[in-house]
N, C-alpha and C. Protein backbone atom coordinates (compact mmCIF):
# COMPACT_ATOMS: atom_id res chain seq x y z
N UNK A 1 16.48 -2.72 -6.40
CA UNK A 1 16.97 -1.23 -6.11
C UNK A 1 18.16 -1.15 -6.85
N UNK A 2 18.97 -2.07 -7.05
CA UNK A 2 20.36 -2.02 -7.81
C UNK A 2 19.82 -1.69 -9.20
N UNK A 3 18.82 -2.34 -9.69
CA UNK A 3 18.50 -2.15 -11.25
C UNK A 3 17.98 -0.75 -11.53
N UNK A 4 17.33 -0.26 -10.30
CA UNK A 4 16.76 1.12 -10.30
C UNK A 4 17.74 2.08 -10.46
N UNK A 5 18.85 1.91 -9.63
CA UNK A 5 19.99 2.81 -9.54
C UNK A 5 20.87 2.78 -10.91
N UNK A 6 20.94 1.64 -11.42
CA UNK A 6 21.56 1.41 -12.59
C UNK A 6 20.85 2.42 -13.90
N UNK A 7 19.62 2.64 -13.64
CA UNK A 7 18.71 3.36 -14.56
C UNK A 7 18.81 4.84 -14.30
N UNK A 8 19.70 5.22 -13.17
CA UNK A 8 19.92 6.42 -12.47
C UNK A 8 18.47 7.15 -12.02
N UNK A 9 17.69 6.06 -11.43
CA UNK A 9 16.45 6.55 -10.72
C UNK A 9 16.67 6.84 -9.35
N UNK A 10 16.27 7.88 -8.75
CA UNK A 10 16.43 8.03 -7.47
C UNK A 10 15.42 7.30 -6.37
N UNK A 11 15.89 6.62 -5.71
CA UNK A 11 15.27 5.68 -4.72
C UNK A 11 14.15 6.34 -3.96
N UNK A 12 14.64 7.51 -3.64
CA UNK A 12 13.55 8.39 -2.62
C UNK A 12 12.42 8.80 -3.43
N UNK A 13 12.40 8.48 -4.97
CA UNK A 13 11.24 8.99 -5.75
C UNK A 13 10.46 7.80 -6.54
N UNK A 14 11.04 6.55 -6.22
CA UNK A 14 10.43 5.35 -6.66
C UNK A 14 9.36 4.79 -5.89
N UNK A 15 8.34 4.35 -6.43
CA UNK A 15 7.27 3.79 -5.60
C UNK A 15 7.46 2.27 -5.51
N UNK A 16 7.63 1.77 -4.17
CA UNK A 16 7.66 0.36 -3.75
C UNK A 16 6.40 -0.39 -3.45
N UNK A 17 5.27 0.47 -3.18
CA UNK A 17 4.10 -0.03 -2.80
C UNK A 17 3.53 -1.25 -3.52
N UNK A 18 3.43 -1.34 -4.70
CA UNK A 18 2.97 -2.48 -5.49
C UNK A 18 3.81 -3.75 -5.19
N UNK A 19 4.95 -3.55 -5.16
CA UNK A 19 5.99 -4.59 -4.75
C UNK A 19 5.96 -5.26 -3.31
N UNK A 20 5.57 -4.17 -2.42
CA UNK A 20 5.39 -4.63 -1.22
C UNK A 20 3.99 -5.42 -0.88
N UNK A 21 2.98 -5.12 -1.69
CA UNK A 21 1.76 -5.72 -1.74
C UNK A 21 1.86 -7.12 -2.20
N UNK A 22 2.51 -7.20 -3.29
CA UNK A 22 2.60 -8.67 -3.93
C UNK A 22 3.47 -9.47 -3.11
N UNK A 23 4.75 -8.86 -2.51
CA UNK A 23 5.45 -9.71 -1.69
C UNK A 23 4.55 -10.26 -0.40
N UNK A 24 3.98 -9.46 0.23
CA UNK A 24 3.33 -9.52 1.51
C UNK A 24 2.14 -10.63 1.00
N UNK A 25 1.53 -10.36 0.02
CA UNK A 25 0.49 -11.37 -0.33
C UNK A 25 0.97 -12.67 -0.46
N UNK A 26 2.20 -12.79 -1.08
CA UNK A 26 2.76 -14.21 -1.35
C UNK A 26 3.25 -14.93 -0.13
N UNK A 27 3.62 -14.00 0.87
CA UNK A 27 4.19 -14.61 2.15
C UNK A 27 2.86 -15.21 3.02
N UNK A 28 1.65 -14.35 2.90
CA UNK A 28 0.50 -14.71 3.42
C UNK A 28 -0.01 -16.01 2.83
N UNK A 29 -0.04 -16.15 1.58
CA UNK A 29 -0.44 -17.30 0.87
C UNK A 29 0.59 -18.57 1.43
N UNK A 30 1.73 -18.39 1.55
CA UNK A 30 2.73 -19.44 1.80
C UNK A 30 2.25 -19.79 3.26
N UNK A 31 2.00 -18.92 4.04
CA UNK A 31 1.69 -19.16 5.49
C UNK A 31 0.62 -20.07 5.61
N UNK A 32 -0.59 -19.48 4.71
CA UNK A 32 -1.69 -20.41 4.78
C UNK A 32 -1.60 -21.71 4.24
N UNK A 33 -0.79 -21.99 3.32
CA UNK A 33 -0.66 -23.30 2.73
C UNK A 33 0.39 -24.10 4.05
N UNK A 34 1.14 -23.42 4.55
CA UNK A 34 1.90 -24.06 5.61
C UNK A 34 1.10 -24.55 6.76
N UNK A 35 0.14 -23.73 7.14
CA UNK A 35 -0.89 -23.91 8.27
C UNK A 35 -1.58 -25.38 7.84
N UNK A 36 -1.97 -25.56 6.46
CA UNK A 36 -2.83 -26.65 6.25
C UNK A 36 -2.17 -27.97 6.37
N UNK A 37 -0.75 -28.01 6.32
CA UNK A 37 0.07 -29.12 6.47
C UNK A 37 0.10 -29.85 7.89
N UNK A 38 0.21 -30.99 7.93
CA UNK A 38 0.17 -31.60 9.43
C UNK A 38 1.26 -30.96 10.19
N UNK A 39 0.84 -30.17 11.12
CA UNK A 39 1.85 -29.74 11.96
C UNK A 39 1.52 -29.77 13.51
N UNK A 40 2.54 -29.75 14.46
CA UNK A 40 2.11 -29.85 15.84
C UNK A 40 1.36 -28.71 16.14
N UNK A 41 0.54 -28.68 17.38
CA UNK A 41 -0.07 -27.45 17.84
C UNK A 41 0.83 -26.33 18.19
N UNK A 42 2.12 -26.53 18.58
CA UNK A 42 2.88 -25.43 18.65
C UNK A 42 3.35 -24.57 17.55
N UNK A 43 3.64 -25.60 16.40
CA UNK A 43 3.95 -25.01 15.12
C UNK A 43 2.79 -24.15 14.57
N UNK A 44 1.60 -24.99 14.76
CA UNK A 44 0.38 -24.22 14.12
C UNK A 44 0.16 -22.79 14.73
N UNK A 45 0.44 -22.56 15.98
CA UNK A 45 0.25 -21.28 16.81
C UNK A 45 1.31 -20.40 16.11
N UNK A 46 2.52 -20.82 15.94
CA UNK A 46 3.58 -19.90 15.27
C UNK A 46 3.13 -19.34 13.85
N UNK A 47 2.60 -20.33 13.25
CA UNK A 47 2.13 -20.06 11.80
C UNK A 47 0.87 -19.10 11.85
N UNK A 48 0.08 -19.44 12.81
CA UNK A 48 -1.17 -18.50 13.01
C UNK A 48 -0.71 -17.05 13.35
N UNK A 49 0.29 -16.85 14.13
CA UNK A 49 0.78 -15.41 14.48
C UNK A 49 1.34 -14.78 12.98
N UNK A 50 2.10 -15.77 12.22
CA UNK A 50 2.60 -15.33 10.98
C UNK A 50 1.32 -14.93 10.08
N UNK A 51 0.32 -15.77 9.92
CA UNK A 51 -0.71 -15.31 9.22
C UNK A 51 -1.40 -14.01 9.42
N UNK A 52 -1.53 -13.89 10.85
CA UNK A 52 -2.33 -12.67 11.41
C UNK A 52 -1.22 -11.36 11.18
N UNK A 53 -0.05 -11.61 11.18
CA UNK A 53 0.88 -10.40 10.79
C UNK A 53 0.83 -10.04 9.29
N UNK A 54 0.88 -11.12 8.66
CA UNK A 54 0.86 -10.80 7.11
C UNK A 54 -0.45 -10.34 6.61
N UNK A 55 -1.62 -10.77 7.09
CA UNK A 55 -2.83 -10.19 6.94
C UNK A 55 -3.03 -8.88 7.22
N UNK A 56 -2.49 -8.49 8.54
CA UNK A 56 -2.56 -7.04 8.88
C UNK A 56 -1.66 -6.27 8.06
N UNK A 57 -0.56 -6.61 7.82
CA UNK A 57 0.52 -5.93 6.97
C UNK A 57 -0.03 -5.67 5.46
N UNK A 58 -0.70 -6.82 4.97
CA UNK A 58 -1.41 -6.60 3.58
C UNK A 58 -2.42 -5.68 3.56
N UNK A 59 -3.37 -5.73 4.70
CA UNK A 59 -4.34 -4.63 4.85
C UNK A 59 -3.77 -3.22 4.94
N UNK A 60 -2.70 -3.07 5.76
CA UNK A 60 -2.07 -1.88 5.77
C UNK A 60 -1.60 -1.44 4.40
N UNK A 61 -0.80 -2.20 3.75
CA UNK A 61 -0.39 -1.66 2.36
C UNK A 61 -1.54 -1.26 1.54
N UNK A 62 -2.52 -2.12 1.55
CA UNK A 62 -3.66 -1.92 0.49
C UNK A 62 -4.39 -0.68 1.06
N UNK A 63 -4.47 -0.21 2.33
CA UNK A 63 -4.91 0.84 2.87
C UNK A 63 -4.23 2.03 2.41
N UNK A 64 -2.87 1.91 2.42
CA UNK A 64 -1.89 2.82 2.11
C UNK A 64 -2.12 3.32 0.72
N UNK A 65 -2.23 2.47 -0.31
CA UNK A 65 -2.65 2.64 -1.67
C UNK A 65 -3.88 3.33 -1.76
N UNK A 66 -4.76 3.44 -1.08
CA UNK A 66 -5.95 4.26 -1.12
C UNK A 66 -5.71 5.69 -0.82
N UNK A 67 -4.74 6.00 -0.19
CA UNK A 67 -4.24 7.28 0.33
C UNK A 67 -3.47 8.09 -0.68
N UNK A 68 -3.97 9.01 -1.45
CA UNK A 68 -3.20 9.77 -2.38
C UNK A 68 -1.69 10.10 -1.96
N UNK A 69 -1.65 10.64 -0.83
CA UNK A 69 -0.25 10.97 -0.42
C UNK A 69 0.68 9.91 -0.33
N UNK A 70 0.13 8.79 -0.29
CA UNK A 70 1.20 7.52 -0.26
C UNK A 70 1.77 7.11 -1.48
N UNK A 71 1.07 7.67 -2.52
CA UNK A 71 1.64 7.30 -3.92
C UNK A 71 2.38 8.56 -4.57
N UNK A 72 3.04 9.46 -3.76
CA UNK A 72 3.68 10.60 -4.31
C UNK A 72 4.87 10.75 -3.66
N UNK A 73 5.75 11.54 -3.95
CA UNK A 73 7.04 11.77 -3.22
C UNK A 73 6.76 12.91 -2.06
N UNK A 74 5.71 13.29 -2.13
CA UNK A 74 5.10 14.52 -1.18
C UNK A 74 4.50 13.98 -0.03
N UNK A 75 4.80 12.63 0.35
CA UNK A 75 4.01 12.00 1.38
C UNK A 75 4.01 12.40 2.65
N UNK A 76 5.03 13.13 3.07
CA UNK A 76 5.18 14.07 4.29
C UNK A 76 5.46 15.61 4.20
N UNK A 77 4.88 16.02 3.13
CA UNK A 77 5.11 17.48 3.05
C UNK A 77 5.69 17.55 1.58
N UNK A 78 5.40 18.72 0.90
CA UNK A 78 5.81 19.05 -0.49
C UNK A 78 7.28 19.24 -0.51
N UNK A 79 7.80 18.60 -1.58
CA UNK A 79 9.35 18.66 -1.85
C UNK A 79 9.40 19.23 -3.13
N UNK A 80 10.63 20.09 -3.12
CA UNK A 80 10.87 20.94 -4.41
C UNK A 80 10.14 21.95 -4.46
N UNK A 81 9.96 22.70 -5.66
CA UNK A 81 9.35 23.85 -5.98
C UNK A 81 7.80 23.67 -5.54
N UNK A 82 7.23 24.86 -5.06
CA UNK A 82 5.83 24.49 -4.20
C UNK A 82 5.12 25.76 -4.74
N UNK A 83 4.56 25.71 -5.96
CA UNK A 83 3.89 27.02 -6.36
C UNK A 83 2.50 27.38 -5.68
N UNK A 84 2.08 26.17 -5.20
CA UNK A 84 0.80 26.36 -4.52
C UNK A 84 0.68 26.48 -3.10
N UNK A 85 2.06 26.61 -2.63
CA UNK A 85 2.27 26.75 -1.16
C UNK A 85 1.62 25.63 -0.19
N UNK A 86 1.76 24.55 -0.53
CA UNK A 86 1.41 23.27 0.24
C UNK A 86 2.36 23.16 1.33
N UNK A 87 1.90 22.36 2.58
CA UNK A 87 2.51 22.24 3.85
C UNK A 87 3.85 21.60 3.19
N UNK A 88 4.92 21.78 3.84
CA UNK A 88 6.17 21.16 3.44
C UNK A 88 6.68 20.18 4.53
N UNK A 89 6.19 19.98 5.60
CA UNK A 89 6.64 19.09 6.70
C UNK A 89 5.31 18.68 7.56
N UNK A 90 5.63 17.26 8.10
CA UNK A 90 4.68 16.90 9.22
C UNK A 90 3.19 16.87 8.68
N UNK A 91 3.06 16.23 7.55
CA UNK A 91 1.58 16.22 6.91
C UNK A 91 1.06 14.69 7.19
N UNK A 92 1.92 13.68 7.09
CA UNK A 92 1.52 12.44 7.01
C UNK A 92 0.56 12.00 8.16
N UNK A 93 1.16 12.11 9.36
CA UNK A 93 0.44 11.64 10.62
C UNK A 93 -0.80 12.43 10.76
N UNK A 94 -0.87 13.81 10.56
CA UNK A 94 -2.14 14.59 10.80
C UNK A 94 -3.13 14.25 10.04
N UNK A 95 -2.72 13.93 8.56
CA UNK A 95 -3.80 13.56 7.73
C UNK A 95 -4.36 12.34 8.02
N UNK A 96 -3.76 11.27 8.50
CA UNK A 96 -4.19 9.91 8.90
C UNK A 96 -5.01 9.97 10.02
N UNK A 97 -4.76 10.94 11.10
CA UNK A 97 -5.43 11.25 12.24
C UNK A 97 -6.73 11.74 11.91
N UNK A 98 -6.70 12.72 11.01
CA UNK A 98 -7.89 13.35 10.43
C UNK A 98 -8.89 12.24 9.82
N UNK A 99 -8.37 11.46 8.95
CA UNK A 99 -9.16 10.43 8.22
C UNK A 99 -9.85 9.56 9.55
N UNK A 100 -9.17 9.22 10.33
CA UNK A 100 -9.52 8.14 11.31
C UNK A 100 -10.70 8.82 12.08
N UNK A 101 -10.66 10.30 12.31
CA UNK A 101 -11.71 10.95 12.98
C UNK A 101 -12.93 11.13 12.33
N UNK A 102 -12.84 11.04 11.05
CA UNK A 102 -14.12 11.31 10.21
C UNK A 102 -14.66 10.24 9.46
N UNK A 103 -14.18 9.05 9.56
CA UNK A 103 -14.58 7.85 8.93
C UNK A 103 -16.01 7.58 9.48
N UNK A 104 -16.89 7.32 8.57
CA UNK A 104 -18.27 6.78 8.89
C UNK A 104 -18.40 5.23 8.67
N UNK A 105 -18.28 4.54 9.70
CA UNK A 105 -18.24 3.24 9.54
C UNK A 105 -19.28 2.42 8.55
N UNK A 106 -20.54 2.91 8.64
CA UNK A 106 -21.40 2.45 7.95
C UNK A 106 -21.40 2.67 6.38
N UNK A 107 -20.97 3.92 6.13
CA UNK A 107 -20.51 4.36 4.67
C UNK A 107 -19.58 3.37 4.25
N UNK A 108 -18.57 3.38 5.02
CA UNK A 108 -17.21 2.41 4.60
C UNK A 108 -17.76 1.02 4.26
N UNK A 109 -18.53 0.33 5.20
CA UNK A 109 -19.06 -1.00 4.93
C UNK A 109 -19.87 -1.06 3.78
N UNK A 110 -20.49 -0.16 3.28
CA UNK A 110 -21.37 -0.08 2.19
C UNK A 110 -20.39 -0.01 0.97
N UNK A 111 -19.31 0.45 1.11
CA UNK A 111 -18.38 0.37 -0.03
C UNK A 111 -17.45 -1.00 -0.46
N UNK A 112 -17.76 -1.90 0.47
CA UNK A 112 -17.02 -3.24 0.29
C UNK A 112 -17.65 -3.94 -0.91
N UNK A 113 -16.98 -4.41 -1.66
CA UNK A 113 -17.47 -5.08 -2.90
C UNK A 113 -17.23 -6.61 -2.50
N UNK A 114 -18.06 -7.56 -3.37
CA UNK A 114 -17.79 -8.87 -3.22
C UNK A 114 -16.32 -9.45 -3.58
N UNK A 115 -15.84 -10.51 -3.13
CA UNK A 115 -14.52 -10.96 -3.48
C UNK A 115 -14.41 -11.27 -5.10
N UNK A 116 -13.33 -11.17 -5.51
CA UNK A 116 -13.21 -11.72 -6.81
C UNK A 116 -11.72 -12.39 -7.23
N UNK A 117 -11.85 -13.21 -8.06
CA UNK A 117 -10.57 -13.74 -8.53
C UNK A 117 -9.59 -12.77 -9.20
N UNK A 118 -8.48 -12.49 -8.79
CA UNK A 118 -7.53 -11.85 -9.38
C UNK A 118 -6.53 -12.56 -10.34
N UNK A 119 -6.47 -12.50 -11.53
CA UNK A 119 -5.56 -13.17 -12.35
C UNK A 119 -4.17 -12.75 -12.25
N UNK A 120 -3.90 -11.35 -12.23
CA UNK A 120 -2.53 -10.78 -12.32
C UNK A 120 -2.53 -9.83 -11.02
N UNK A 121 -2.01 -10.10 -10.04
CA UNK A 121 -2.11 -9.26 -8.67
C UNK A 121 -1.24 -8.07 -9.11
N UNK A 122 -0.26 -8.03 -9.69
CA UNK A 122 0.63 -6.84 -9.80
C UNK A 122 -0.25 -5.93 -10.91
N UNK A 123 -0.81 -6.32 -11.77
CA UNK A 123 -1.64 -5.43 -12.65
C UNK A 123 -2.51 -4.87 -11.94
N UNK A 124 -3.25 -5.65 -11.06
CA UNK A 124 -4.50 -5.09 -10.41
C UNK A 124 -4.04 -4.05 -9.48
N UNK A 125 -2.87 -4.16 -8.74
CA UNK A 125 -2.36 -3.18 -7.69
C UNK A 125 -1.96 -1.86 -8.47
N UNK A 126 -1.58 -1.95 -9.78
CA UNK A 126 -1.14 -0.77 -10.53
C UNK A 126 -2.43 -0.16 -10.90
N UNK A 127 -3.57 -0.85 -11.30
CA UNK A 127 -4.80 -0.10 -11.65
C UNK A 127 -5.34 0.59 -10.39
N UNK A 128 -5.30 -0.19 -9.18
CA UNK A 128 -5.86 0.41 -8.10
C UNK A 128 -5.12 1.67 -7.69
N UNK A 129 -3.69 1.69 -7.87
CA UNK A 129 -2.93 2.97 -7.61
C UNK A 129 -3.32 4.17 -8.36
N UNK A 130 -3.54 3.87 -9.87
CA UNK A 130 -3.81 4.66 -10.84
C UNK A 130 -5.24 5.53 -10.22
N UNK A 131 -6.06 4.51 -9.91
CA UNK A 131 -7.39 5.06 -9.48
C UNK A 131 -7.15 5.94 -8.34
N UNK A 132 -6.40 5.55 -7.36
CA UNK A 132 -5.92 6.61 -6.24
C UNK A 132 -5.32 7.94 -6.97
N UNK A 133 -4.52 7.69 -7.90
CA UNK A 133 -3.84 9.13 -8.48
C UNK A 133 -4.89 9.75 -9.03
N UNK A 134 -6.21 9.38 -9.54
CA UNK A 134 -7.19 10.29 -9.72
C UNK A 134 -7.45 11.37 -8.92
N UNK A 135 -7.23 11.20 -7.76
CA UNK A 135 -7.56 12.13 -6.48
C UNK A 135 -6.35 13.20 -6.39
N UNK A 136 -5.17 13.03 -7.11
CA UNK A 136 -4.07 13.85 -6.93
C UNK A 136 -4.01 14.85 -7.88
N UNK A 137 -3.44 16.07 -7.45
CA UNK A 137 -3.40 17.39 -8.36
C UNK A 137 -2.74 16.88 -9.80
N UNK A 138 -3.19 17.11 -10.78
CA UNK A 138 -2.80 17.07 -12.26
C UNK A 138 -1.24 17.20 -12.12
N UNK A 139 -0.31 16.15 -12.67
CA UNK A 139 1.05 16.24 -12.73
C UNK A 139 1.93 15.99 -11.59
N UNK A 140 1.25 15.25 -10.73
CA UNK A 140 1.91 14.95 -9.38
C UNK A 140 2.20 13.69 -9.12
N UNK A 141 1.81 12.78 -10.19
CA UNK A 141 2.13 11.28 -10.17
C UNK A 141 3.42 11.05 -10.09
N UNK A 142 3.99 10.41 -9.14
CA UNK A 142 5.51 10.08 -9.22
C UNK A 142 5.65 8.65 -8.69
N UNK A 143 5.29 7.95 -9.64
CA UNK A 143 5.57 6.58 -9.35
C UNK A 143 6.01 5.78 -10.66
N UNK A 144 7.05 5.12 -10.75
CA UNK A 144 7.82 4.59 -11.76
C UNK A 144 7.33 3.26 -11.98
N UNK A 145 6.74 3.03 -13.25
CA UNK A 145 6.08 1.77 -13.48
C UNK A 145 7.06 0.90 -14.33
N UNK A 146 8.08 1.54 -15.21
CA UNK A 146 8.94 0.77 -16.18
C UNK A 146 10.21 0.55 -15.67
């Protein structure tokens, strides 16, 4: 964050999602490796809780990346000039609640692809976010990559 500030970037407008995904993935990986080491039953239970936590958090972040609002500065309402009259507050919660209400589980399950080996996680996450960005109104991508 200090490096971004040195570049005069507004921290409220910088996307941290790809970094959160990579960091959480690394924590999950470390926890899985730790679990495989010879540990007492009590230690394994604590590690299992960590694994469940990091797996859930990773799923949350990846899910956030599929939501166009999460990749824009307008995640909870339009900020700044608003020529199209978009909502300006209290958007995040209602949009997610609507999504939960209309999800078709059968359709969702049909979209799951087989696992693949990822060579460069950060690059893969960036590609994923750009794909999500394809659903955003032209010119509203607000995610710094450099």
